[in-house]
């Protein structure tokens, strides 16, 4: 029987909260951001054509695109940096 990956509820909640904060920051920059929950239970944020996930574990998280590009750490300074990169890409 194959092992199924499981996440601690606290980590799922932490990732969700960080994506919500990023979505609010992107929305303040007048870009449409939509928070979605994938069929596997993973949260994602879509901004234009870009999909962003919150990756990491044990309190150390980063914003990562679907293609594996690390946007920034998921801390207070990183939210502003990731939002500006996403808003700049959505404006193109």
Protein backbone atom coordinates (compact mmCIF):
# COMPACT_ATOMS: atom_id res chain seq x y z
CA UNK A 1 0.00 0.00 0.00
CA UNK A 2 1.55 3.33 -1.04
CA UNK A 3 2.13 5.91 1.65
CA UNK A 4 0.04 9.03 1.36
CA UNK A 5 1.62 12.33 2.33
CA UNK A 6 -0.05 14.01 5.26
CA UNK A 7 0.30 17.51 6.59
CA UNK A 8 -0.18 18.68 10.11
CA UNK A 9 -3.31 20.83 10.44
CA UNK A 10 -1.19 23.64 11.88
CA UNK A 11 1.02 23.74 8.77
CA UNK A 12 -1.96 23.73 6.42
CA UNK A 13 -3.49 26.59 8.40
CA UNK A 14 -0.20 28.53 8.42
CA UNK A 15 0.19 28.18 4.65
CA UNK A 16 -3.41 29.27 4.11
CA UNK A 17 -2.97 32.34 6.33
CA UNK A 18 0.19 33.39 4.50
CA UNK A 19 -1.51 33.04 1.11
CA UNK A 20 -4.46 35.10 2.36
CA UNK A 21 -2.07 37.87 3.46
CA UNK A 22 -0.31 37.78 0.08
CA UNK A 23 -3.65 37.91 -1.72
CA UNK A 24 -4.71 40.98 0.25
CA UNK A 25 -1.42 42.72 -0.51
CA UNK A 26 -1.72 41.93 -4.23
CA UNK A 27 -5.33 43.17 -4.23
CA UNK A 28 -4.20 46.46 -2.67
CA UNK A 29 -2.00 46.88 -5.75
CA UNK A 30 -5.14 46.67 -7.94
CA UNK A 31 -4.55 43.17 -9.29
CA UNK A 32 -7.10 40.41 -9.18
CA UNK A 33 -6.00 37.64 -6.81
CA UNK A 34 -8.05 34.52 -6.18
CA UNK A 35 -7.45 31.99 -3.42
CA UNK A 36 -8.37 28.46 -4.44
CA UNK A 37 -8.20 25.05 -2.84
CA UNK A 38 -6.92 22.27 -5.08
CA UNK A 39 -8.53 18.83 -5.18
CA UNK A 40 -5.68 17.50 -3.04
CA UNK A 41 -6.45 20.03 -0.29
CA UNK A 42 -3.51 22.31 -1.11
CA UNK A 43 -4.18 26.07 -1.14
CA UNK A 44 -3.01 28.20 -4.06
CA UNK A 45 -3.25 31.84 -5.05
CA UNK A 46 -3.82 32.78 -8.68
CA UNK A 47 -2.76 36.21 -9.91
CA UNK A 48 -3.28 36.64 -13.62
CA UNK A 49 -1.70 33.58 -15.20
CA UNK A 50 0.57 32.87 -12.23
CA UNK A 51 -0.20 30.30 -9.56
CA UNK A 52 1.56 30.70 -6.22
CA UNK A 53 1.88 28.19 -3.39
CA UNK A 54 3.25 28.53 0.11
CA UNK A 55 5.96 25.91 0.55
CA UNK A 56 8.03 24.93 3.55
CA UNK A 57 7.69 23.33 6.95
CA UNK A 58 8.18 23.89 10.66
CA UNK A 59 7.67 27.63 10.55
CA UNK A 60 9.95 28.36 7.59
CA UNK A 61 7.88 29.14 4.49
CA UNK A 62 8.39 30.70 1.07
CA UNK A 63 6.16 31.75 -1.81
CA UNK A 64 6.79 29.48 -4.79
CA UNK A 65 5.28 29.58 -8.28
CA UNK A 66 3.88 26.55 -10.01
CA UNK A 67 7.10 26.34 -12.05
CA UNK A 68 9.26 26.24 -8.93
CA UNK A 69 10.46 29.85 -8.91
CA UNK A 70 10.92 31.10 -5.35
CA UNK A 71 9.38 34.57 -5.10
CA UNK A 72 10.36 35.42 -1.53
CA UNK A 73 10.28 34.19 2.05
CA UNK A 74 6.76 34.19 3.52
CA UNK A 75 7.50 36.78 6.21
CA UNK A 76 6.50 40.44 6.54
CA UNK A 77 9.16 41.79 4.16
CA UNK A 78 8.67 38.88 1.77
CA UNK A 79 4.96 39.57 1.33
CA UNK A 80 5.65 43.04 -0.08
CA UNK A 81 8.39 41.70 -2.35
CA UNK A 82 6.25 38.84 -3.68
CA UNK A 83 3.26 41.13 -4.18
CA UNK A 84 5.29 43.60 -6.22
CA UNK A 85 6.69 40.82 -8.40
CA UNK A 86 3.23 39.35 -8.95
CA UNK A 87 1.59 42.74 -9.59
CA UNK A 88 4.34 43.62 -12.05
CA UNK A 89 3.86 40.36 -13.91
CA UNK A 90 0.07 40.72 -14.02
CA UNK A 91 0.39 44.22 -15.48
CA UNK A 92 2.26 42.93 -18.53
